């Protein structure tokens, strides 16, 4: 077992996912919830079975618990994408777009590297 000095706390994980991630990307417009900053926000209801008994530290419950239900609310680039656990956008349209972008990325990667990522 790893010594306690190397354990990550829930606050360490939150920092890595927010400010630390922004720092690694060299971005100063993301990484915290503040006026003038960009943010995508995921919100979870903590009154579900997976969080039972964890309200003494809700952040640790969110970070270290496996969630079996979808996000309750999701805001991306200022627009609600999920409300009350239900998608608030045209899922098939987005799947089609993401598949197209993925195919373009694989094609460009193959062209630029000579490695066949497509497998054809």
PDB file of N, CA and C in Angstrom:
ATOM      1  N   UNK A   1       0.837  -1.178   0.000  1.00  0.00           N
ATOM      2  CA  UNK A   1       0.000   0.000   0.000  1.00  0.00           C
ATOM      3  C   UNK A   1       0.889   1.251   0.000  1.00  0.00           C
ATOM      4  N   UNK A   2       0.465   2.254  -0.742  1.00  0.00           N
ATOM      5  CA  UNK A   2       1.220   3.505  -0.844  1.00  0.00           C
ATOM      6  C   UNK A   2       1.117   4.295   0.457  1.00  0.00           C
ATOM      7  N   UNK A   3       2.205   4.962   0.823  1.00  0.00           N
ATOM      8  CA  UNK A   3       2.214   5.748   2.053  1.00  0.00           C
ATOM      9  C   UNK A   3       1.221   6.899   1.963  1.00  0.00           C
ATOM     10  N   UNK A   4       0.675   7.272   3.097  1.00  0.00           N
ATOM     11  CA  UNK A   4      -0.361   8.306   3.162  1.00  0.00           C
ATOM     12  C   UNK A   4       0.087   9.625   2.551  1.00  0.00           C
ATOM     13  N   UNK A   5       1.341   9.951   2.609  1.00  0.00           N
ATOM     14  CA  UNK A   5       1.824  11.220   2.057  1.00  0.00           C
ATOM     15  C   UNK A   5       1.606  11.309   0.550  1.00  0.00           C
ATOM     16  N   UNK A   6       1.392  10.160  -0.113  1.00  0.00           N
ATOM     17  CA  UNK A   6       1.167  10.153  -1.556  1.00  0.00           C
ATOM     18  C   UNK A   6      -0.308  10.044  -1.935  1.00  0.00           C
ATOM     19  N   UNK A   7      -1.184   9.985  -0.970  1.00  0.00           N
ATOM     20  CA  UNK A   7      -2.608   9.889  -1.254  1.00  0.00           C
ATOM     21  C   UNK A   7      -3.109  11.214  -1.824  1.00  0.00           C
ATOM     22  N   UNK A   8      -4.080  11.133  -2.717  1.00  0.00           N
ATOM     23  CA  UNK A   8      -4.726  12.323  -3.242  1.00  0.00           C
ATOM     24  C   UNK A   8      -6.012  12.571  -2.475  1.00  0.00           C
ATOM     25  N   UNK A   9      -6.234  13.793  -2.087  1.00  0.00           N
ATOM     26  CA  UNK A   9      -7.503  14.151  -1.455  1.00  0.00           C
ATOM     27  C   UNK A   9      -8.491  14.556  -2.545  1.00  0.00           C
ATOM     28  N   UNK A  10      -9.748  14.642  -2.168  1.00  0.00           N
ATOM     29  CA  UNK A  10     -10.772  15.099  -3.110  1.00  0.00           C
ATOM     30  C   UNK A  10     -10.445  16.513  -3.586  1.00  0.00           C
ATOM     31  N   UNK A  11      -9.910  17.343  -2.718  1.00  0.00           N
ATOM     32  CA  UNK A  11      -9.549  18.706  -3.099  1.00  0.00           C
ATOM     33  C   UNK A  11      -8.381  18.713  -4.081  1.00  0.00           C
ATOM     34  N   UNK A  12      -7.436  17.788  -3.915  1.00  0.00           N
ATOM     35  CA  UNK A  12      -6.338  17.653  -4.886  1.00  0.00           C
ATOM     36  C   UNK A  12      -6.892  17.300  -6.267  1.00  0.00           C
ATOM     37  N   UNK A  13      -7.816  16.356  -6.293  1.00  0.00           N
ATOM     38  CA  UNK A  13      -8.409  15.912  -7.561  1.00  0.00           C
ATOM     39  C   UNK A  13      -9.186  17.053  -8.208  1.00  0.00           C
ATOM     40  N   UNK A  14      -9.964  17.792  -7.409  1.00  0.00           N
ATOM     41  CA  UNK A  14     -10.714  18.934  -7.948  1.00  0.00           C
ATOM     42  C   UNK A  14      -9.750  19.969  -8.519  1.00  0.00           C
ATOM     43  N   UNK A  15      -8.663  20.279  -7.825  1.00  0.00           N
ATOM     44  CA  UNK A  15      -7.683  21.235  -8.324  1.00  0.00           C
ATOM     45  C   UNK A  15      -7.091  20.748  -9.646  1.00  0.00           C
ATOM     46  N   UNK A  16      -6.734  19.463  -9.712  1.00  0.00           N
ATOM     47  CA  UNK A  16      -6.147  18.916 -10.941  1.00  0.00           C
ATOM     48  C   UNK A  16      -7.126  19.018 -12.106  1.00  0.00           C
ATOM     49  N   UNK A  17      -8.419  18.793 -11.834  1.00  0.00           N
ATOM     50  CA  UNK A  17      -9.429  18.811 -12.889  1.00  0.00           C
ATOM     51  C   UNK A  17      -9.809  20.229 -13.320  1.00  0.00           C
ATOM     52  N   UNK A  18      -9.481  21.233 -12.514  1.00  0.00           N
ATOM     53  CA  UNK A  18      -9.881  22.602 -12.828  1.00  0.00           C
ATOM     54  C   UNK A  18      -8.660  23.482 -13.061  1.00  0.00           C
ATOM     55  N   UNK A  19      -8.131  24.038 -12.036  1.00  0.00           N
ATOM     56  CA  UNK A  19      -6.994  24.959 -12.168  1.00  0.00           C
ATOM     57  C   UNK A  19      -5.741  24.277 -12.705  1.00  0.00           C
ATOM     58  N   UNK A  20      -5.490  23.072 -12.251  1.00  0.00           N
ATOM     59  CA  UNK A  20      -4.329  22.338 -12.742  1.00  0.00           C
ATOM     60  C   UNK A  20      -4.437  22.037 -14.219  1.00  0.00           C
ATOM     61  N   UNK A  21      -5.637  21.624 -14.657  1.00  0.00           N
ATOM     62  CA  UNK A  21      -5.854  21.360 -16.074  1.00  0.00           C
ATOM     63  C   UNK A  21      -5.663  22.610 -16.915  1.00  0.00           C
ATOM     64  N   UNK A  22      -6.183  23.732 -16.430  1.00  0.00           N
ATOM     65  CA  UNK A  22      -6.014  25.003 -17.144  1.00  0.00           C
ATOM     66  C   UNK A  22      -4.541  25.369 -17.228  1.00  0.00           C
ATOM     67  N   UNK A  23      -3.823  25.167 -16.133  1.00  0.00           N
ATOM     68  CA  UNK A  23      -2.392  25.491 -16.088  1.00  0.00           C
ATOM     69  C   UNK A  23      -1.611  24.653 -17.097  1.00  0.00           C
ATOM     70  N   UNK A  24      -1.891  23.359 -17.143  1.00  0.00           N
ATOM     71  CA  UNK A  24      -1.208  22.468 -18.082  1.00  0.00           C
ATOM     72  C   UNK A  24      -1.476  22.888 -19.522  1.00  0.00           C
ATOM     73  N   UNK A  25      -2.700  23.359 -19.793  1.00  0.00           N
ATOM     74  CA  UNK A  25      -3.057  23.789 -21.142  1.00  0.00           C
ATOM     75  C   UNK A  25      -2.596  25.205 -21.459  1.00  0.00           C
ATOM     76  N   UNK A  26      -2.018  25.887 -20.456  1.00  0.00           N
ATOM     77  CA  UNK A  26      -1.563  27.250 -20.654  1.00  0.00           C
ATOM     78  C   UNK A  26      -2.707  28.235 -20.831  1.00  0.00           C
ATOM     79  N   UNK A  27      -3.845  27.945 -20.202  1.00  0.00           N
ATOM     80  CA  UNK A  27      -5.035  28.791 -20.357  1.00  0.00           C
ATOM     81  C   UNK A  27      -5.300  29.549 -19.065  1.00  0.00           C
ATOM     82  N   UNK A  28      -5.600  30.815 -19.193  1.00  0.00           N
ATOM     83  CA  UNK A  28      -5.961  31.597 -18.019  1.00  0.00           C
ATOM     84  C   UNK A  28      -7.417  32.050 -18.065  1.00  0.00           C
ATOM     85  N   UNK A  29      -8.190  31.509 -19.027  1.00  0.00           N
ATOM     86  CA  UNK A  29      -9.600  31.859 -19.149  1.00  0.00           C
ATOM     87  C   UNK A  29     -10.517  30.749 -18.649  1.00  0.00           C
ATOM     88  N   UNK A  30      -9.944  29.677 -18.121  1.00  0.00           N
ATOM     89  CA  UNK A  30     -10.715  28.556 -17.592  1.00  0.00           C
ATOM     90  C   UNK A  30     -10.059  28.090 -16.293  1.00  0.00           C
ATOM     91  N   UNK A  31     -10.726  27.190 -15.590  1.00  0.00           N
ATOM     92  CA  UNK A  31     -10.115  26.596 -14.407  1.00  0.00           C
ATOM     93  C   UNK A  31     -10.751  26.995 -13.100  1.00  0.00           C
ATOM     94  N   UNK A  32     -11.663  27.960 -13.138  1.00  0.00           N
ATOM     95  CA  UNK A  32     -12.353  28.362 -11.914  1.00  0.00           C
ATOM     96  C   UNK A  32     -13.686  29.002 -12.291  1.00  0.00           C
ATOM     97  N   UNK A  33     -14.601  28.996 -11.330  1.00  0.00           N
ATOM     98  CA  UNK A  33     -15.889  29.657 -11.533  1.00  0.00           C
ATOM     99  C   UNK A  33     -15.761  31.092 -11.039  1.00  0.00           C
ATOM    100  N   UNK A  34     -15.521  32.006 -11.982  1.00  0.00           N
ATOM    101  CA  UNK A  34     -15.375  33.421 -11.668  1.00  0.00           C
ATOM    102  C   UNK A  34     -15.942  34.243 -12.817  1.00  0.00           C
ATOM    103  N   UNK A  35     -16.316  35.463 -12.527  1.00  0.00           N
ATOM    104  CA  UNK A  35     -16.818  36.368 -13.551  1.00  0.00           C
ATOM    105  C   UNK A  35     -15.757  36.532 -14.632  1.00  0.00           C
ATOM    106  N   UNK A  36     -16.189  36.421 -15.888  1.00  0.00           N
ATOM    107  CA  UNK A  36     -15.292  36.592 -17.013  1.00  0.00           C
ATOM    108  C   UNK A  36     -14.581  35.331 -17.454  1.00  0.00           C
ATOM    109  N   UNK A  37     -14.730  34.245 -16.701  1.00  0.00           N
ATOM    110  CA  UNK A  37     -14.082  32.982 -17.066  1.00  0.00           C
ATOM    111  C   UNK A  37     -15.057  32.113 -17.857  1.00  0.00           C
ATOM    112  N   UNK A  38     -14.524  31.274 -18.728  1.00  0.00           N
ATOM    113  CA  UNK A  38     -15.343  30.290 -19.426  1.00  0.00           C
ATOM    114  C   UNK A  38     -15.497  29.074 -18.522  1.00  0.00           C
ATOM    115  N   UNK A  39     -16.655  28.413 -18.629  1.00  0.00           N
ATOM    116  CA  UNK A  39     -16.849  27.239 -17.785  1.00  0.00           C
ATOM    117  C   UNK A  39     -17.882  26.299 -18.387  1.00  0.00           C
ATOM    118  N   UNK A  40     -17.611  25.021 -18.272  1.00  0.00           N
ATOM    119  CA  UNK A  40     -18.606  23.984 -18.494  1.00  0.00           C
ATOM    120  C   UNK A  40     -18.891  23.435 -17.099  1.00  0.00           C
ATOM    121  N   UNK A  41     -20.146  23.280 -16.767  1.00  0.00           N
ATOM    122  CA  UNK A  41     -20.515  22.909 -15.409  1.00  0.00           C
ATOM    123  C   UNK A  41     -21.384  21.661 -15.415  1.00  0.00           C
ATOM    124  N   UNK A  42     -20.979  20.662 -14.644  1.00  0.00           N
ATOM    125  CA  UNK A  42     -21.782  19.454 -14.442  1.00  0.00           C
ATOM    126  C   UNK A  42     -22.313  19.492 -13.015  1.00  0.00           C
ATOM    127  N   UNK A  43     -23.611  19.240 -12.866  1.00  0.00           N
ATOM    128  CA  UNK A  43     -24.228  19.267 -11.540  1.00  0.00           C
ATOM    129  C   UNK A  43     -24.881  17.920 -11.259  1.00  0.00           C
ATOM    130  N   UNK A  44     -24.705  17.461 -10.034  1.00  0.00           N
ATOM    131  CA  UNK A  44     -25.194  16.157  -9.631  1.00  0.00           C
ATOM    132  C   UNK A  44     -26.048  16.287  -8.378  1.00  0.00           C
ATOM    133  N   UNK A  45     -27.194  15.623  -8.381  1.00  0.00           N
ATOM    134  CA  UNK A  45     -28.005  15.560  -7.164  1.00  0.00           C
ATOM    135  C   UNK A  45     -27.348  14.549  -6.231  1.00  0.00           C
ATOM    136  N   UNK A  46     -27.193  14.909  -4.994  1.00  0.00           N
ATOM    137  CA  UNK A  46     -26.513  14.043  -4.030  1.00  0.00           C
ATOM    138  C   UNK A  46     -27.475  13.208  -3.200  1.00  0.00           C
ATOM    139  N   UNK A  47     -28.741  13.200  -3.579  1.00  0.00           N
ATOM    140  CA  UNK A  47     -29.732  12.441  -2.813  1.00  0.00           C
ATOM    141  C   UNK A  47     -30.016  11.080  -3.439  1.00  0.00           C
ATOM    142  N   UNK A  48     -28.993  10.489  -4.042  1.00  0.00           N
ATOM    143  CA  UNK A  48     -29.157   9.172  -4.653  1.00  0.00           C
ATOM    144  C   UNK A  48     -28.375   8.129  -3.848  1.00  0.00           C
ATOM    145  N   UNK A  49     -28.652   6.873  -4.118  1.00  0.00           N
ATOM    146  CA  UNK A  49     -28.094   5.768  -3.348  1.00  0.00           C
ATOM    147  C   UNK A  49     -26.566   5.775  -3.322  1.00  0.00           C
ATOM    148  N   UNK A  50     -25.926   6.113  -4.447  1.00  0.00           N
ATOM    149  CA  UNK A  50     -24.459   6.047  -4.466  1.00  0.00           C
ATOM    150  C   UNK A  50     -23.803   7.015  -3.496  1.00  0.00           C
ATOM    151  N   UNK A  51     -24.495   8.070  -3.085  1.00  0.00           N
ATOM    152  CA  UNK A  51     -23.912   9.048  -2.166  1.00  0.00           C
ATOM    153  C   UNK A  51     -24.395   8.878  -0.725  1.00  0.00           C
ATOM    154  N   UNK A  52     -25.210   7.870  -0.480  1.00  0.00           N
ATOM    155  CA  UNK A  52     -25.735   7.660   0.873  1.00  0.00           C
ATOM    156  C   UNK A  52     -24.579   7.514   1.864  1.00  0.00           C
ATOM    157  N   UNK A  53     -24.642   8.273   2.931  1.00  0.00           N
ATOM    158  CA  UNK A  53     -23.610   8.224   3.958  1.00  0.00           C
ATOM    159  C   UNK A  53     -22.425   9.113   3.698  1.00  0.00           C
ATOM    160  N   UNK A  54     -22.415   9.822   2.568  1.00  0.00           N
ATOM    161  CA  UNK A  54     -21.254  10.627   2.223  1.00  0.00           C
ATOM    162  C   UNK A  54     -21.427  12.117   2.403  1.00  0.00           C
ATOM    163  N   UNK A  55     -22.470  12.540   3.081  1.00  0.00           N
ATOM    164  CA  UNK A  55     -22.730  13.969   3.171  1.00  0.00           C
ATOM    165  C   UNK A  55     -21.821  14.708   4.146  1.00  0.00           C
ATOM    166  N   UNK A  56     -21.000  13.988   4.904  1.00  0.00           N
ATOM    167  CA  UNK A  56     -20.030  14.682   5.747  1.00  0.00           C
ATOM    168  C   UNK A  56     -18.959  15.343   4.879  1.00  0.00           C
ATOM    169  N   UNK A  57     -18.772  14.844   3.644  1.00  0.00           N
ATOM    170  CA  UNK A  57     -17.834  15.444   2.694  1.00  0.00           C
ATOM    171  C   UNK A  57     -18.388  15.238   1.282  1.00  0.00           C
ATOM    172  N   UNK A  58     -19.329  16.093   0.866  1.00  0.00           N
ATOM    173  CA  UNK A  58     -19.960  15.916  -0.450  1.00  0.00           C
ATOM    174  C   UNK A  58     -18.966  15.907  -1.617  1.00  0.00           C
ATOM    175  N   UNK A  59     -17.908  16.713  -1.541  1.00  0.00           N
ATOM    176  CA  UNK A  59     -16.921  16.721  -2.619  1.00  0.00           C
ATOM    177  C   UNK A  59     -16.240  15.364  -2.741  1.00  0.00           C
ATOM    178  N   UNK A  60     -15.831  14.776  -1.625  1.00  0.00           N
ATOM    179  CA  UNK A  60     -15.217  13.450  -1.659  1.00  0.00           C
ATOM    180  C   UNK A  60     -16.201  12.425  -2.207  1.00  0.00           C
ATOM    181  N   UNK A  61     -17.479  12.567  -1.859  1.00  0.00           N
ATOM    182  CA  UNK A  61     -18.487  11.649  -2.393  1.00  0.00           C
ATOM    183  C   UNK A  61     -18.552  11.740  -3.907  1.00  0.00           C
ATOM    184  N   UNK A  62     -18.528  12.957  -4.432  1.00  0.00           N
ATOM    185  CA  UNK A  62     -18.583  13.138  -5.885  1.00  0.00           C
ATOM    186  C   UNK A  62     -17.330  12.604  -6.577  1.00  0.00           C
ATOM    187  N   UNK A  63     -16.177  12.859  -5.983  1.00  0.00           N
ATOM    188  CA  UNK A  63     -14.909  12.490  -6.618  1.00  0.00           C
ATOM    189  C   UNK A  63     -14.651  10.989  -6.552  1.00  0.00           C
ATOM    190  N   UNK A  64     -14.938  10.362  -5.424  1.00  0.00           N
ATOM    191  CA  UNK A  64     -14.521   8.972  -5.211  1.00  0.00           C
ATOM    192  C   UNK A  64     -15.626   7.935  -5.362  1.00  0.00           C
ATOM    193  N   UNK A  65     -16.830   8.356  -5.701  1.00  0.00           N
ATOM    194  CA  UNK A  65     -17.943   7.423  -5.842  1.00  0.00           C
ATOM    195  C   UNK A  65     -18.236   7.170  -7.312  1.00  0.00           C
ATOM    196  N   UNK A  66     -18.532   5.938  -7.651  1.00  0.00           N
ATOM    197  CA  UNK A  66     -18.923   5.603  -9.021  1.00  0.00           C
ATOM    198  C   UNK A  66     -20.385   5.978  -9.189  1.00  0.00           C
ATOM    199  N   UNK A  67     -20.645   6.858 -10.120  1.00  0.00           N
ATOM    200  CA  UNK A  67     -22.017   7.303 -10.372  1.00  0.00           C
ATOM    201  C   UNK A  67     -22.660   6.366 -11.375  1.00  0.00           C
ATOM    202  N   UNK A  68     -23.853   5.893 -11.058  1.00  0.00           N
ATOM    203  CA  UNK A  68     -24.556   4.971 -11.955  1.00  0.00           C
ATOM    204  C   UNK A  68     -25.641   5.671 -12.761  1.00  0.00           C
ATOM    205  N   UNK A  69     -25.966   6.906 -12.402  1.00  0.00           N
ATOM    206  CA  UNK A  69     -26.974   7.675 -13.123  1.00  0.00           C
ATOM    207  C   UNK A  69     -26.306   8.796 -13.892  1.00  0.00           C
ATOM    208  N   UNK A  70     -26.973   9.287 -14.958  1.00  0.00           N
ATOM    209  CA  UNK A  70     -26.362  10.383 -15.721  1.00  0.00           C
ATOM    210  C   UNK A  70     -26.304  11.667 -14.905  1.00  0.00           C
ATOM    211  N   UNK A  71     -25.541  12.612 -15.402  1.00  0.00           N
ATOM    212  CA  UNK A  71     -25.469  13.935 -14.799  1.00  0.00           C
ATOM    213  C   UNK A  71     -26.876  14.530 -14.742  1.00  0.00           C
ATOM    214  N   UNK A  72     -27.168  15.310 -13.716  1.00  0.00           N
ATOM    215  CA  UNK A  72     -28.500  15.906 -13.587  1.00  0.00           C
ATOM    216  C   UNK A  72     -28.634  17.168 -14.441  1.00  0.00           C
ATOM    217  N   UNK A  73     -27.609  17.997 -14.413  1.00  0.00           N
ATOM    218  CA  UNK A  73     -27.580  19.210 -15.241  1.00  0.00           C
ATOM    219  C   UNK A  73     -26.182  19.351 -15.816  1.00  0.00           C
ATOM    220  N   UNK A  74     -26.116  19.743 -17.082  1.00  0.00           N
ATOM    221  CA  UNK A  74     -24.832  19.965 -17.734  1.00  0.00           C
ATOM    222  C   UNK A  74     -24.938  21.222 -18.573  1.00  0.00           C
ATOM    223  N   UNK A  75     -24.062  22.161 -18.306  1.00  0.00           N
ATOM    224  CA  UNK A  75     -24.018  23.409 -19.059  1.00  0.00           C
ATOM    225  C   UNK A  75     -22.674  23.453 -19.778  1.00  0.00           C
ATOM    226  N   UNK A  76     -22.724  23.588 -21.096  1.00  0.00           N
ATOM    227  CA  UNK A  76     -21.519  23.632 -21.917  1.00  0.00           C
ATOM    228  C   UNK A  76     -21.541  24.928 -22.714  1.00  0.00           C
ATOM    229  N   UNK A  77     -20.487  25.709 -22.546  1.00  0.00           N
ATOM    230  CA  UNK A  77     -20.373  26.977 -23.262  1.00  0.00           C
ATOM    231  C   UNK A  77     -21.607  27.857 -23.048  1.00  0.00           C
ATOM    232  N   UNK A  78     -22.129  27.844 -21.818  1.00  0.00           N
ATOM    233  CA  UNK A  78     -23.265  28.686 -21.463  1.00  0.00           C
ATOM    234  C   UNK A  78     -24.628  28.159 -21.858  1.00  0.00           C
ATOM    235  N   UNK A  79     -24.682  26.964 -22.456  1.00  0.00           N
ATOM    236  CA  UNK A  79     -25.965  26.410 -22.900  1.00  0.00           C
ATOM    237  C   UNK A  79     -26.246  25.108 -22.176  1.00  0.00           C
ATOM    238  N   UNK A  80     -27.456  24.971 -21.664  1.00  0.00           N
ATOM    239  CA  UNK A  80     -27.852  23.731 -20.992  1.00  0.00           C
ATOM    240  C   UNK A  80     -27.907  22.603 -22.012  1.00  0.00           C
ATOM    241  N   UNK A  81     -27.211  21.521 -21.718  1.00  0.00           N
ATOM    242  CA  UNK A  81     -27.213  20.350 -22.593  1.00  0.00           C
ATOM    243  C   UNK A  81     -27.991  19.193 -21.968  1.00  0.00           C
ATOM    244  N   UNK A  82     -28.026  19.163 -20.647  1.00  0.00           N
ATOM    245  CA  UNK A  82     -28.781  18.151 -19.910  1.00  0.00           C
ATOM    246  C   UNK A  82     -29.561  18.883 -18.820  1.00  0.00           C
ATOM    247  N   UNK A  83     -30.851  18.557 -18.716  1.00  0.00           N
ATOM    248  CA  UNK A  83     -31.708  19.112 -17.670  1.00  0.00           C
ATOM    249  C   UNK A  83     -32.466  17.959 -17.034  1.00  0.00           C
ATOM    250  N   UNK A  84     -32.402  17.895 -15.723  1.00  0.00           N
ATOM    251  CA  UNK A  84     -33.075  16.813 -14.993  1.00  0.00           C
ATOM    252  C   UNK A  84     -32.696  15.441 -15.539  1.00  0.00           C
ATOM    253  N   UNK A  85     -31.434  15.280 -15.921  1.00  0.00           N
ATOM    254  CA  UNK A  85     -30.942  13.995 -16.407  1.00  0.00           C
ATOM    255  C   UNK A  85     -31.325  13.658 -17.831  1.00  0.00           C
ATOM    256  N   UNK A  86     -31.954  14.578 -18.541  1.00  0.00           N
ATOM    257  CA  UNK A  86     -32.401  14.335 -19.923  1.00  0.00           C
ATOM    258  C   UNK A  86     -31.652  15.261 -20.872  1.00  0.00           C
ATOM    259  N   UNK A  87     -31.230  14.703 -22.001  1.00  0.00           N
ATOM    260  CA  UNK A  87     -30.540  15.499 -23.012  1.00  0.00           C
ATOM    261  C   UNK A  87     -31.437  16.615 -23.501  1.00  0.00           C
ATOM    262  N   UNK A  88     -30.862  17.778 -23.704  1.00  0.00           N
ATOM    263  CA  UNK A  88     -31.614  18.942 -24.152  1.00  0.00           C
ATOM    264  C   UNK A  88     -31.147  19.369 -25.540  1.00  0.00           C
ATOM    265  N   UNK A  89     -30.741  18.391 -26.347  1.00  0.00           N
ATOM    266  CA  UNK A  89     -30.287  18.684 -27.699  1.00  0.00           C
ATOM    267  C   UNK A  89     -30.556  17.472 -28.586  1.00  0.00           C
ATOM    268  N   UNK A  90     -30.365  17.661 -29.873  1.00  0.00           N
ATOM    269  CA  UNK A  90     -30.595  16.610 -30.858  1.00  0.00           C
ATOM    270  C   UNK A  90     -29.404  15.637 -30.842  1.00  0.00           C
ATOM    271  N   UNK A  91     -29.579  14.534 -30.133  1.00  0.00           N
ATOM    272  CA  UNK A  91     -28.491  13.577 -29.939  1.00  0.00           C
ATOM    273  C   UNK A  91     -28.002  13.000 -31.263  1.00  0.00           C
ATOM    274  N   UNK A  92     -28.905  12.621 -32.152  1.00  0.00           N
ATOM    275  CA  UNK A  92     -28.503  12.015 -33.427  1.00  0.00           C
ATOM    276  C   UNK A  92     -27.684  12.991 -34.274  1.00  0.00           C
ATOM    277  N   UNK A  93     -28.045  14.259 -34.242  1.00  0.00           N
ATOM    278  CA  UNK A  93     -27.293  15.281 -34.975  1.00  0.00           C
ATOM    279  C   UNK A  93     -25.864  15.369 -34.440  1.00  0.00           C
ATOM    280  N   UNK A  94     -25.714  15.356 -33.115  1.00  0.00           N
ATOM    281  CA  UNK A  94     -24.388  15.456 -32.516  1.00  0.00           C
ATOM    282  C   UNK A  94     -23.557  14.196 -32.759  1.00  0.00           C
ATOM    283  N   UNK A  95     -24.177  13.037 -32.724  1.00  0.00           N
ATOM    284  CA  UNK A  95     -23.453  11.795 -33.017  1.00  0.00           C
ATOM    285  C   UNK A  95     -22.927  11.831 -34.441  1.00  0.00           C
ATOM    286  N   UNK A  96     -23.754  12.267 -35.372  1.00  0.00           N
ATOM    287  CA  UNK A  96     -23.340  12.365 -36.773  1.00  0.00           C
ATOM    288  C   UNK A  96     -22.160  13.326 -36.913  1.00  0.00           C
ATOM    289  N   UNK A  97     -22.245  14.485 -36.253  1.00  0.00           N
ATOM    290  CA  UNK A  97     -21.166  15.476 -36.320  1.00  0.00           C
ATOM    291  C   UNK A  97     -19.880  14.921 -35.720  1.00  0.00           C
ATOM    292  N   UNK A  98     -19.976  14.279 -34.560  1.00  0.00           N
ATOM    293  CA  UNK A  98     -18.782  13.748 -33.892  1.00  0.00           C
ATOM    294  C   UNK A  98     -18.146  12.626 -34.707  1.00  0.00           C
ATOM    295  N   UNK A  99     -18.955  11.795 -35.329  1.00  0.00           N
ATOM    296  CA  UNK A  99     -18.410  10.738 -36.189  1.00  0.00           C
ATOM    297  C   UNK A  99     -17.684  11.342 -37.390  1.00  0.00           C
ATOM    298  N   UNK A 100     -18.245  12.419 -37.971  1.00  0.00           N
ATOM    299  CA  UNK A 100     -17.604  13.092 -39.104  1.00  0.00           C
ATOM    300  C   UNK A 100     -16.270  13.705 -38.675  1.00  0.00           C
ATOM    301  N   UNK A 101     -16.265  14.416 -37.555  1.00  0.00           N
ATOM    302  CA  UNK A 101     -15.032  15.050 -37.064  1.00  0.00           C
ATOM    303  C   UNK A 101     -13.989  13.989 -36.734  1.00  0.00           C
ATOM    304  N   UNK A 102     -14.415  12.887 -36.110  1.00  0.00           N
ATOM    305  CA  UNK A 102     -13.486  11.807 -35.786  1.00  0.00           C
ATOM    306  C   UNK A 102     -12.862  11.223 -37.051  1.00  0.00           C
ATOM    307  N   UNK A 103     -13.678  10.994 -38.076  1.00  0.00           N
ATOM    308  CA  UNK A 103     -13.156  10.451 -39.335  1.00  0.00           C
ATOM    309  C   UNK A 103     -12.147  11.411 -39.963  1.00  0.00           C
ATOM    310  N   UNK A 104     -12.448  12.719 -39.906  1.00  0.00           N
ATOM    311  CA  UNK A 104     -11.517  13.718 -40.450  1.00  0.00           C
ATOM    312  C   UNK A 104     -10.200  13.711 -39.679  1.00  0.00           C
ATOM    313  N   UNK A 105     -10.279  13.605 -38.358  1.00  0.00           N
ATOM    314  CA  UNK A 105      -9.066  13.578 -37.534  1.00  0.00           C
ATOM    315  C   UNK A 105      -8.222  12.345 -37.848  1.00  0.00           C
ATOM    316  N   UNK A 106      -8.871  11.198 -37.975  1.00  0.00           N
ATOM    317  CA  UNK A 106      -8.136   9.973 -38.298  1.00  0.00           C
ATOM    318  C   UNK A 106      -7.490  10.071 -39.671  1.00  0.00           C
ATOM    319  N   UNK A 107      -8.215  10.630 -40.623  1.00  0.00           N
ATOM    320  CA  UNK A 107      -7.677  10.785 -41.973  1.00  0.00           C
ATOM    321  C   UNK A 107      -6.462  11.717 -41.972  1.00  0.00           C
ATOM    322  N   UNK A 108      -6.572  12.852 -41.293  1.00  0.00           N
ATOM    323  CA  UNK A 108      -5.457  13.792 -41.222  1.00  0.00           C
ATOM    324  C   UNK A 108      -4.274  13.191 -40.477  1.00  0.00           C
ATOM    325  N   UNK A 109      -4.559  12.446 -39.409  1.00  0.00           N
ATOM    326  CA  UNK A 109      -3.492  11.784 -38.669  1.00  0.00           C
ATOM    327  C   UNK A 109      -2.745  10.789 -39.533  1.00  0.00           C
ATOM    328  N   UNK A 110      -3.493  10.047 -40.341  1.00  0.00           N
ATOM    329  CA  UNK A 110      -2.890   9.078 -41.249  1.00  0.00           C
ATOM    330  C   UNK A 110      -2.040   9.794 -42.303  1.00  0.00           C
ATOM    331  N   UNK A 111      -2.585  10.879 -42.850  1.00  0.00           N
ATOM    332  CA  UNK A 111      -1.846  11.635 -43.869  1.00  0.00           C
ATOM    333  C   UNK A 111      -0.564  12.246 -43.294  1.00  0.00           C
ATOM    334  N   UNK A 112      -0.643  12.783 -42.094  1.00  0.00           N
ATOM    335  CA  UNK A 112       0.501  13.490 -41.513  1.00  0.00           C
ATOM    336  C   UNK A 112       1.557  12.575 -40.922  1.00  0.00           C
ATOM    337  N   UNK A 113       1.155  11.361 -40.553  1.00  0.00           N
ATOM    338  CA  UNK A 113       2.123  10.481 -39.870  1.00  0.00           C
ATOM    339  C   UNK A 113       2.514   9.264 -40.692  1.00  0.00           C
ATOM    340  N   UNK A 114       1.695   8.929 -41.669  1.00  0.00           N
ATOM    341  CA  UNK A 114       1.946   7.707 -42.431  1.00  0.00           C
ATOM    342  C   UNK A 114       1.454   6.457 -41.707  1.00  0.00           C
ATOM    343  N   UNK A 115       0.883   6.612 -40.520  1.00  0.00           N
ATOM    344  CA  UNK A 115       0.339   5.487 -39.760  1.00  0.00           C
ATOM    345  C   UNK A 115      -1.133   5.351 -40.107  1.00  0.00           C
ATOM    346  N   UNK A 116      -1.551   4.142 -40.437  1.00  0.00           N
ATOM    347  CA  UNK A 116      -2.949   3.920 -40.812  1.00  0.00           C
ATOM    348  C   UNK A 116      -3.790   3.745 -39.548  1.00  0.00           C
ATOM    349  N   UNK A 117      -4.417   4.831 -39.106  1.00  0.00           N
ATOM    350  CA  UNK A 117      -5.273   4.792 -37.930  1.00  0.00           C
ATOM    351  C   UNK A 117      -6.653   4.252 -38.234  1.00  0.00           C
ATOM    352  N   UNK A 118      -7.011   4.224 -39.497  1.00  0.00           N
ATOM    353  CA  UNK A 118      -8.360   3.835 -39.909  1.00  0.00           C
ATOM    354  C   UNK A 118      -8.488   2.312 -39.966  1.00  0.00           C
ATOM    355  N   UNK A 119      -7.419   1.615 -40.273  1.00  0.00           N
ATOM    356  CA  UNK A 119      -7.432   0.157 -40.267  1.00  0.00           C
ATOM    357  C   UNK A 119      -8.053  -0.452 -41.515  1.00  0.00           C
ATOM    358  N   UNK A 120      -8.094   0.291 -42.589  1.00  0.00           N
ATOM    359  CA  UNK A 120      -8.650  -0.243 -43.843  1.00  0.00           C
ATOM    360  C   UNK A 120      -7.554  -0.689 -44.749  1.00  0.00           C
TER     361      UNK A 120
END
